[in-house]
Every structure is written in C-alpha cells, then in structure tokens.
Amino acid sequence: MVLQSSLKNCLQLSCILRTPKAGFRSTTSGGLIIQSLSNDVYQNLAVEDWIHDHMNLENRQVLFLWRNSPAVVIGRHQNPWQECNIRLMRQKNIKLARRRSGGGTVYHDLGNINLTFFTTRKKYERMENLKLVVKALKALRPQLDVHVTDRYDILLNRQYKISGTAAKLGGTTAYHHCTLLCNVDKFVLSSVLKSPYTGLKSNATPSVPASVKNLFEEDPSLTCEMLLDAIAEEYATQHQIDHHITLINPADETVLPGINNKRKELQTWEWVYGKTPKFSVSTCFKMVCKDSALDVKVDMDVKHGRIEVCNIDLPEQWLPSALCSELVKSFTGSKFCPDETTALATTLLRVCPQDDELHSRWNLLCEHMRMLM
C-alpha cells in the first residue's frame, strides 16, 4: 500500500512544471504558486513585502516558496542581542534579518523550507494552511507522525517541532509564513540561537525554546525538492489551479518594480538593529592587566539601537576620570555596535597621553565594551 502510494505521488509530482517569471502580474484571478530563484534572505523577505503591498488578492491566493543561505531571522518586535549570538554569527558570516511579521526567532539554511500563504485578511486562516502542509507530508510519506498544535506549530512524533508560524495582518491583505525543518544544521542552529549577553533587560517579545528534529532524520530518502513539490501539489489541488510553479528572480525590477529598494531597506542597520525595542544593560566584567585585576560595572540604556545613557564605574587610578568621561560622552548617542565602539576608541586614543601603560588599559577597556555588543 505504501509502495503504491509512493508511485502515485511520484507520477503526480512529475507533472509539476517550473517556468521563469511567467507574467504572474497579469493574472487576475485564481491561485498562484511562486518559487524564488534566490537564497538571499533579504531578497526573499522583500518579495513578501512586495506581494503584500502590490498584488491584488481579492480574487486570488498566493503560495510563495523560498529557501535561504545561513541566516537568523527575528520577529519585528524582538531584540537580537536577547535572541541570538551575534558575535558568533559575525564569525560564521551568518546574516541577521528582521521580518515585518511578529513571532519568534528562527535559523535558516538550505536545509530549511519557507512557505508564505497570501490571502485577503477576511480569508486568512493559518490553521488550514498548516493542515495543508501536514496533508502534503502524509501523502508523500504516510508513515510520518505529524500534526498541528493549538499553538500553530507542526510536531513530529508528538514532541519535536518541525515548523513554526508567524503572520502579518494588513488592512485588507494578510500573509502567514512558516518554516519546515528538513535537513538544517542543528549544531549551528542551537549555537546561534543562544544569547551569550548578560545583564540585558528588555520588554521585547521573547522566543519560546523547543526541541527540534529534521524530517530527514526520520526519513533520509526525502529531499527538499520532493517536499516543495508535494506542498505545491496539495496547494494546487485544494485551490483548483494548474500544477505549475512560477520561478521568479527577486532582483528583477521588470517583474517586481521597486523590489530592490525594499531589499535595501531590510538590510539597513536602522531596520535590523534600530527597530529593537528599548532595553538596558547592567553588567560587570573583570579586567586583568599585568598583575592587577579590576571589576568594572557598566550600565547602559539603549533606544532605537543607540546608547541613550552610559555609565562606566572604575577607579580613577586605573584610568583618569577625564578620559573615562570622554569615553562615556562619546558612547552617548552612538550605535550599540562593536564597529562603532572600535572607531570611537581609536579616535579618542589619538588624544590620549603618550603612555604605553595607559594605552594598554584603554584598549583593554574598549575590548570588553565591544564584547557587550
């Protein structure tokens, strides 16, 4: 029975056609399935924005399929320092992006499938979308134990989260997007989604940790292409549309006018970091210079990603108060950012007295301040 079902699905999936562009803008009604040719997180999020802002969904529903190279994506109202290890992400060249939707933080790589369901606000129904995904999985592999929870997650074997949900509800249009863990690097996932920053207080929306598992761990014969096609097939069947996937290039202005401006905005520091809800940092660290050790206390208030208030408490004999005051003054109004801290420290060091010991202490203090960011 399973073999017959698998053969049937293979025949069905072989009928799915992928064609470039295909003029989907001129389509006036019915459903539409779009797949991105890009693995860039900012380009793909920009496509979501573009469809939400420009496409008439009154007589049409759209499914957008996309995959990203390594990236951490946070919800619109989240704090990246609270949610992830930004320092490690910089080392591993993992991008950080902020969605326009709410919800929690997720890690993407090419072992993760992203699905975005677009409708009018009146027709918005994320439970039905998730049931569609589960039905597609069961059609492809009937033995899979997958189900949707009341929290709008999809669980594997009743305990492992393989899909999380977020949404944006506009005035007349809406979209619901979810992930599907296929073959994600779970070691990287757990490493980058663990914040190392201490003393941080924020009212930002926190993520809810969950045990996760890849679908490929359950069934190694699966591929991302098989899963994408199965979901597209089920979507086409339910919406009574052609079994056809339109391929789009998210950088193509002839198909998506204004798309590159949307991408650029999503990449800006002001959006990724500057939209962080106000938070504070109150922490201590120990500095060791030659034979002396010193405890330093730092308090900062950060608003719109910039340091609004800064206090550094350390003995005057270790660093002249005038120099410390100048550092605090420079920090105030600056970005809560290690690169900006380095630039400030370098500039102030030029006016610092020519004293090797003083320079060593200054550099040590600035390095610890960088580590807070």
Protein backbone atom coordinates (compact mmCIF):
# COMPACT_ATOMS: atom_id res chain seq x y z
CA MET A 1 0.00 0.00 0.00
CA VAL A 2 2.81 2.40 0.88
CA LEU A 3 4.64 1.48 -2.31
CA GLN A 4 1.55 2.11 -4.44
CA SER A 5 1.02 5.47 -2.75
CA SER A 6 4.67 6.45 -3.30
CA LEU A 7 4.49 5.55 -7.01
CA LYS A 8 1.26 7.52 -7.36
CA ASN A 9 2.87 10.56 -5.75
CA CYS A 10 5.94 10.30 -7.95
CA LEU A 11 3.67 10.38 -11.03
CA GLN A 12 1.75 13.34 -9.65
CA LEU A 13 4.87 15.31 -8.73
CA SER A 14 6.41 14.72 -12.14
CA CYS A 15 3.54 16.78 -13.61
CA ILE A 16 4.60 19.93 -11.74
CA LEU A 17 6.22 22.39 -14.12
CA ARG A 18 8.60 25.18 -13.20
CA THR A 19 8.88 28.13 -15.54
CA PRO A 20 10.61 31.50 -15.17
CA LYS A 21 8.66 34.72 -14.43
CA ALA A 22 5.59 33.69 -16.44
CA GLY A 23 3.91 37.09 -16.13
CA PHE A 24 2.08 36.40 -12.89
CA ARG A 25 1.32 40.12 -12.52
CA SER A 26 -1.22 39.89 -15.35
CA THR A 27 -3.12 37.04 -13.72
CA THR A 28 -6.41 38.47 -12.48
CA SER A 29 -7.88 35.59 -10.51
CA GLY A 30 -7.25 32.11 -9.13
CA GLY A 31 -4.35 30.76 -7.15
CA LEU A 32 -0.67 31.19 -7.84
CA ILE A 33 2.44 29.29 -6.73
CA ILE A 34 5.72 31.21 -6.82
CA GLN A 35 9.23 29.94 -6.05
CA SER A 36 12.26 32.18 -5.55
CA LEU A 37 15.44 31.57 -7.51
CA SER A 38 17.42 33.37 -4.79
CA ASN A 39 18.80 32.09 -1.49
CA ASP A 40 19.33 35.60 -0.13
CA VAL A 41 17.22 36.23 2.98
CA TYR A 42 16.81 39.97 2.33
CA GLN A 43 15.67 39.42 -1.26
CA ASN A 44 13.14 36.79 -0.22
CA LEU A 45 11.72 38.90 2.61
CA ALA A 46 11.48 41.77 0.13
CA VAL A 47 9.34 39.56 -2.15
CA GLU A 48 6.94 39.03 0.75
CA ASP A 49 6.70 42.79 1.22
CA TRP A 50 6.20 43.35 -2.49
CA ILE A 51 3.37 40.82 -2.84
CA HIS A 52 1.70 42.18 0.30
CA ASP A 53 1.94 45.77 -0.92
CA HIS A 54 1.32 45.43 -4.67
CA MET A 55 -0.69 42.34 -5.54
CA ASN A 56 -4.48 42.39 -5.61
CA LEU A 57 -5.50 39.35 -3.57
CA GLU A 58 -9.26 39.90 -3.70
CA ASN A 59 -9.82 37.03 -6.15
CA ARG A 60 -6.51 35.27 -5.75
CA GLN A 61 -4.44 33.33 -3.21
CA VAL A 62 -0.68 33.01 -3.48
CA LEU A 63 1.83 30.49 -2.13
CA PHE A 64 5.45 31.68 -2.05
CA LEU A 65 8.19 29.04 -1.69
CA TRP A 66 11.72 30.06 -0.71
CA ARG A 67 14.97 28.88 0.87
CA ASN A 68 17.83 30.85 2.40
CA SER A 69 21.56 30.55 2.85
CA PRO A 70 22.55 30.63 6.58
CA ALA A 71 20.63 33.42 8.34
CA VAL A 72 18.91 34.18 11.62
CA VAL A 73 15.53 35.86 11.20
CA ILE A 74 13.96 37.67 14.14
CA GLY A 75 10.40 38.89 14.58
CA ARG A 76 9.56 42.55 14.12
CA HIS A 77 9.33 43.27 17.87
CA GLN A 78 12.35 41.26 19.03
CA ASN A 79 15.77 42.11 20.47
CA PRO A 80 18.62 40.44 18.51
CA TRP A 81 21.03 40.59 21.46
CA GLN A 82 18.45 38.78 23.57
CA GLU A 83 17.66 36.19 20.89
CA CYS A 84 20.93 35.15 19.30
CA ASN A 85 24.71 35.06 19.44
CA ILE A 86 25.52 37.99 17.18
CA ARG A 87 29.24 37.66 17.88
CA LEU A 88 29.28 34.05 16.65
CA MET A 89 27.14 34.95 13.65
CA ARG A 90 29.70 37.57 12.60
CA GLN A 91 32.46 34.96 12.83
CA LYS A 92 30.50 32.45 10.75
CA ASN A 93 29.21 35.07 8.29
CA ILE A 94 25.59 34.26 9.14
CA LYS A 95 23.22 37.06 8.21
CA LEU A 96 20.77 38.67 10.61
CA ALA A 97 17.39 39.82 9.29
CA ARG A 98 14.28 41.32 10.88
CA ARG A 99 10.88 40.30 9.49
CA ARG A 100 7.88 42.58 9.13
CA SER A 101 5.80 39.95 10.93
CA GLY A 102 5.79 39.16 14.64
CA GLY A 103 6.65 35.81 16.20
CA GLY A 104 9.92 34.32 17.37
CA THR A 105 13.45 33.85 16.08
CA VAL A 106 14.35 31.12 13.59
CA TYR A 107 17.53 29.85 11.97
CA HIS A 108 17.51 29.28 8.22
CA ASP A 109 19.89 27.43 5.96
CA LEU A 110 19.39 25.45 2.75
CA GLY A 111 18.02 22.56 4.81
CA ASN A 112 15.01 24.68 5.70
CA ILE A 113 11.94 25.35 3.54
CA ASN A 114 9.95 28.57 3.93
CA LEU A 115 6.31 28.85 2.93
CA THR A 116 4.28 32.06 2.75
CA PHE A 117 0.50 31.94 2.24
CA PHE A 118 -1.05 35.21 0.97
CA THR A 119 -4.78 35.96 1.14
CA THR A 120 -7.17 38.77 1.88
CA ARG A 121 -7.49 39.46 5.58
CA LYS A 122 -11.01 38.01 5.54
CA LYS A 123 -9.79 34.70 4.15
CA TYR A 124 -6.74 34.46 6.41
CA GLU A 125 -6.66 31.05 8.14
CA ARG A 126 -3.29 29.76 9.30
CA MET A 127 -4.65 26.54 10.79
CA GLU A 128 -5.91 25.50 7.35
CA ASN A 129 -2.52 26.33 5.84
CA LEU A 130 -0.71 24.14 8.35
CA LYS A 131 -3.19 21.32 7.82
CA LEU A 132 -2.41 21.60 4.11
CA VAL A 133 1.30 21.14 4.84
CA VAL A 134 0.61 18.13 7.06
CA LYS A 135 -1.65 16.59 4.41
CA ALA A 136 1.10 17.01 1.81
CA LEU A 137 3.64 15.35 4.12
CA LYS A 138 1.30 12.45 4.83
CA ALA A 139 0.55 11.99 1.13
CA LEU A 140 4.28 11.81 0.41
CA ARG A 141 5.15 9.62 3.41
CA PRO A 142 2.04 8.13 5.08
CA GLN A 143 4.11 6.72 7.94
CA LEU A 144 5.15 10.18 9.19
CA ASP A 145 3.63 11.10 12.56
CA VAL A 146 2.98 14.83 12.05
CA HIS A 147 0.22 17.04 13.41
CA VAL A 148 -0.68 20.68 14.01
CA THR A 149 -0.88 22.02 17.59
CA ASP A 150 -3.12 24.70 19.06
CA ARG A 151 -0.04 26.98 19.09
CA TYR A 152 0.15 26.68 15.29
CA ASP A 153 3.29 24.55 15.32
CA ILE A 154 3.78 21.30 13.44
CA LEU A 155 5.15 18.49 15.62
CA LEU A 156 6.92 15.32 14.57
CA ASN A 157 6.32 12.25 16.73
CA ARG A 158 4.25 14.38 19.14
CA GLN A 159 7.32 16.08 20.60
CA TYR A 160 9.68 17.60 18.04
CA LYS A 161 8.91 20.95 16.46
CA ILE A 162 9.50 20.95 12.71
CA SER A 163 7.59 24.12 11.86
CA GLY A 164 6.88 27.47 13.50
CA THR A 165 4.49 30.19 12.43
CA ALA A 166 4.38 33.98 12.10
CA ALA A 167 2.00 36.34 10.36
CA LYS A 168 1.29 39.89 9.24
CA LEU A 169 -2.26 41.19 9.07
CA GLY A 170 -2.67 44.31 6.95
CA GLY A 171 -5.76 46.41 6.40
CA THR A 172 -7.09 44.27 3.55
CA THR A 173 -4.34 41.69 2.89
CA ALA A 174 -2.55 39.22 5.10
CA TYR A 175 0.14 36.60 4.99
CA HIS A 176 1.10 33.64 7.12
CA HIS A 177 4.56 32.16 6.82
CA CYS A 178 6.01 29.03 8.34
CA THR A 179 9.21 27.02 8.24
CA LEU A 180 9.79 23.34 7.64
CA LEU A 181 12.91 21.74 9.11
CA CYS A 182 14.20 19.28 6.55
CA ASN A 183 17.96 18.96 6.99
CA VAL A 184 19.07 22.03 8.97
CA ASP A 185 22.46 22.05 10.69
CA LYS A 186 21.16 21.62 14.23
CA PHE A 187 24.54 22.28 15.84
CA VAL A 188 24.74 25.72 14.22
CA LEU A 189 21.07 26.31 14.97
CA SER A 190 21.48 25.67 18.69
CA SER A 191 24.73 27.67 18.83
CA VAL A 192 23.48 30.86 17.18
CA LEU A 193 20.08 30.84 18.89
CA LYS A 194 21.68 31.01 22.34
CA SER A 195 22.42 34.52 23.58
CA PRO A 196 25.74 34.98 25.44
CA TYR A 197 24.92 38.51 26.55
CA THR A 198 24.37 39.10 30.27
CA GLY A 199 22.59 41.77 32.27
CA LEU A 200 20.18 42.60 29.49
CA LYS A 201 16.64 43.66 30.36
CA SER A 202 14.03 44.13 27.66
CA ASN A 203 10.29 44.10 27.08
CA ALA A 204 10.83 42.73 23.57
CA THR A 205 8.90 39.63 22.53
CA PRO A 206 10.92 36.57 23.68
CA SER A 207 11.15 33.35 21.70
CA VAL A 208 9.86 30.11 23.22
CA PRO A 209 12.54 27.35 23.10
CA ALA A 210 11.51 23.98 21.70
CA SER A 211 13.03 20.58 20.91
CA VAL A 212 13.50 20.24 17.17
CA LYS A 213 14.16 17.45 14.72
CA ASN A 214 14.78 17.30 10.99
CA LEU A 215 12.37 15.41 8.76
CA PHE A 216 15.37 13.81 7.06
CA GLU A 217 16.37 12.23 10.38
CA GLU A 218 13.04 10.44 10.31
CA ASP A 219 13.21 9.55 6.62
CA PRO A 220 16.61 10.01 4.89
CA SER A 221 15.06 9.27 1.46
CA LEU A 222 13.33 12.65 1.44
CA THR A 223 14.69 15.71 -0.36
CA CYS A 224 13.77 19.39 -0.15
CA GLU A 225 12.64 19.30 -3.79
CA MET A 226 10.26 16.42 -3.05
CA LEU A 227 8.76 18.31 -0.12
CA LEU A 228 8.40 21.55 -2.07
CA ASP A 229 6.67 19.72 -4.90
CA ALA A 230 4.38 17.81 -2.54
CA ILE A 231 3.24 21.02 -0.83
CA ALA A 232 2.79 22.78 -4.18
CA GLU A 233 0.77 19.81 -5.43
CA GLU A 234 -1.52 19.85 -2.41
CA TYR A 235 -1.95 23.62 -2.67
CA ALA A 236 -2.84 23.34 -6.35
CA THR A 237 -5.36 20.58 -5.62
CA GLN A 238 -7.07 22.44 -2.78
CA HIS A 239 -7.29 25.70 -4.73
CA GLN A 240 -8.16 24.01 -8.02
CA ILE A 241 -5.37 25.62 -10.01
CA ASP A 242 -2.81 24.37 -12.52
CA HIS A 243 0.01 22.25 -11.11
CA HIS A 244 2.51 24.89 -12.07
CA ILE A 245 5.26 26.74 -10.17
CA THR A 246 6.34 30.18 -11.37
CA LEU A 247 10.03 30.84 -10.82
CA ILE A 248 10.98 34.45 -10.03
CA ASN A 249 14.21 36.35 -9.65
CA PRO A 250 13.73 38.65 -6.61
CA ALA A 251 16.13 41.19 -8.12
CA ASP A 252 14.16 41.58 -11.37
CA GLU A 253 12.68 45.08 -11.41
CA THR A 254 10.78 44.36 -14.64
CA VAL A 255 8.66 41.78 -12.81
CA LEU A 256 8.76 43.34 -9.33
CA PRO A 257 9.07 47.14 -9.70
CA GLY A 258 10.70 48.71 -6.66
CA ILE A 259 11.83 45.38 -5.20
CA ASN A 260 15.47 46.40 -4.76
CA ASN A 261 14.56 49.40 -2.62
CA LYS A 262 12.63 47.05 -0.35
CA ARG A 263 15.65 44.76 -0.10
CA LYS A 264 17.99 47.64 0.69
CA GLU A 265 15.70 48.85 3.48
CA LEU A 266 15.61 45.37 5.06
CA GLN A 267 19.44 45.32 5.07
CA THR A 268 19.93 48.67 6.80
CA TRP A 269 21.30 48.88 10.32
CA GLU A 270 18.35 51.13 11.17
CA TRP A 271 15.88 48.32 10.38
CA VAL A 272 17.79 45.26 11.61
CA TYR A 273 19.07 46.81 14.87
CA GLY A 274 17.45 50.23 15.13
CA LYS A 275 13.92 48.79 15.37
CA THR A 276 14.84 46.94 18.58
CA PRO A 277 12.53 47.90 21.47
CA LYS A 278 14.23 49.93 24.19
CA PHE A 279 16.41 47.84 26.54
CA SER A 280 19.03 48.21 29.24
CA VAL A 281 22.33 46.53 30.02
CA SER A 282 23.64 46.28 33.58
CA THR A 283 26.66 44.05 33.94
CA CYS A 284 30.10 43.60 35.47
CA PHE A 285 33.27 42.22 33.97
CA LYS A 286 36.77 41.58 35.26
CA MET A 287 39.76 43.11 33.53
CA VAL A 288 43.27 41.78 34.09
CA CYS A 289 46.22 43.93 33.10
CA LYS A 290 49.68 42.70 34.06
CA ASP A 291 49.46 41.85 37.76
CA SER A 292 46.33 43.84 38.58
CA ALA A 293 42.68 42.74 38.30
CA LEU A 294 39.74 45.08 38.30
CA ASP A 295 35.97 44.70 38.43
CA VAL A 296 34.19 47.14 36.14
CA LYS A 297 30.48 47.90 36.29
CA VAL A 298 28.67 49.15 33.21
CA ASP A 299 25.09 50.44 32.90
CA MET A 300 23.55 51.46 29.60
CA ASP A 301 20.11 52.32 28.26
CA VAL A 302 19.67 51.64 24.55
CA LYS A 303 16.86 53.11 22.44
CA HIS A 304 16.42 52.60 18.69
CA GLY A 305 19.70 50.69 18.77
CA ARG A 306 21.64 53.71 20.09
CA ILE A 307 23.13 54.23 23.54
CA GLU A 308 20.98 56.78 25.34
CA VAL A 309 22.64 56.60 28.77
CA CYS A 310 26.07 55.18 29.62
CA ASN A 311 27.85 54.83 32.95
CA ILE A 312 31.20 53.12 33.47
CA ASP A 313 32.32 52.65 37.08
CA LEU A 314 36.06 52.12 37.60
CA PRO A 315 38.77 53.63 39.87
CA GLU A 316 40.39 56.87 38.76
CA GLN A 317 43.87 55.50 39.45
CA TRP A 318 43.27 52.85 36.79
CA LEU A 319 42.06 55.30 34.15
CA PRO A 320 41.97 59.11 34.54
CA SER A 321 38.42 60.31 35.14
CA ALA A 322 38.67 62.88 32.34
CA LEU A 323 39.49 60.11 29.85
CA CYS A 324 36.71 57.88 31.15
CA SER A 325 34.25 60.77 30.97
CA GLU A 326 35.26 61.44 27.39
CA LEU A 327 34.62 57.79 26.53
CA VAL A 328 31.19 57.87 28.19
CA LYS A 329 30.37 61.11 26.38
CA SER A 330 31.36 59.57 23.04
CA PHE A 331 29.26 56.47 23.64
CA THR A 332 26.14 58.52 24.32
CA GLY A 333 24.17 58.69 21.08
CA SER A 334 26.37 56.17 19.29
CA LYS A 335 25.20 52.84 17.85
CA PHE A 336 25.23 49.83 20.16
CA CYS A 337 27.70 48.28 17.78
CA PRO A 338 31.27 46.87 18.15
CA ASP A 339 32.50 48.53 14.94
CA GLU A 340 31.35 51.94 16.12
CA THR A 341 32.95 51.30 19.52
CA THR A 342 36.25 50.48 17.79
CA ALA A 343 36.08 53.68 15.75
CA LEU A 344 35.33 55.78 18.85
CA ALA A 345 38.15 54.14 20.83
CA THR A 346 40.64 54.68 18.01
CA THR A 347 39.70 58.34 17.66
CA LEU A 348 39.95 59.03 21.40
CA LEU A 349 43.24 57.16 21.67
CA ARG A 350 44.85 59.74 19.40
CA VAL A 351 44.28 62.46 22.03
CA CYS A 352 45.27 60.17 24.91
CA PRO A 353 48.62 60.94 26.61
CA GLN A 354 51.54 59.01 25.10
CA ASP A 355 51.75 56.42 27.85
CA ASP A 356 52.07 52.72 26.90
CA GLU A 357 50.53 51.53 30.16
CA LEU A 358 47.59 53.90 29.77
CA HIS A 359 47.10 52.82 26.16
CA SER A 360 47.04 49.15 27.18
CA ARG A 361 44.38 49.83 29.81
CA TRP A 362 42.37 51.91 27.38
CA ASN A 363 42.43 49.20 24.70
CA LEU A 364 41.52 46.55 27.25
CA LEU A 365 38.51 48.52 28.46
CA CYS A 366 37.31 49.16 24.91
CA GLU A 367 37.69 45.50 24.00
CA HIS A 368 35.49 44.49 26.92
CA MET A 369 32.93 47.11 25.91
CA ARG A 370 32.93 45.62 22.41
CA MET A 371 32.21 42.20 23.89
CA LEU A 372 28.97 43.55 25.35
CA MET A 373 27.71 44.18 21.84
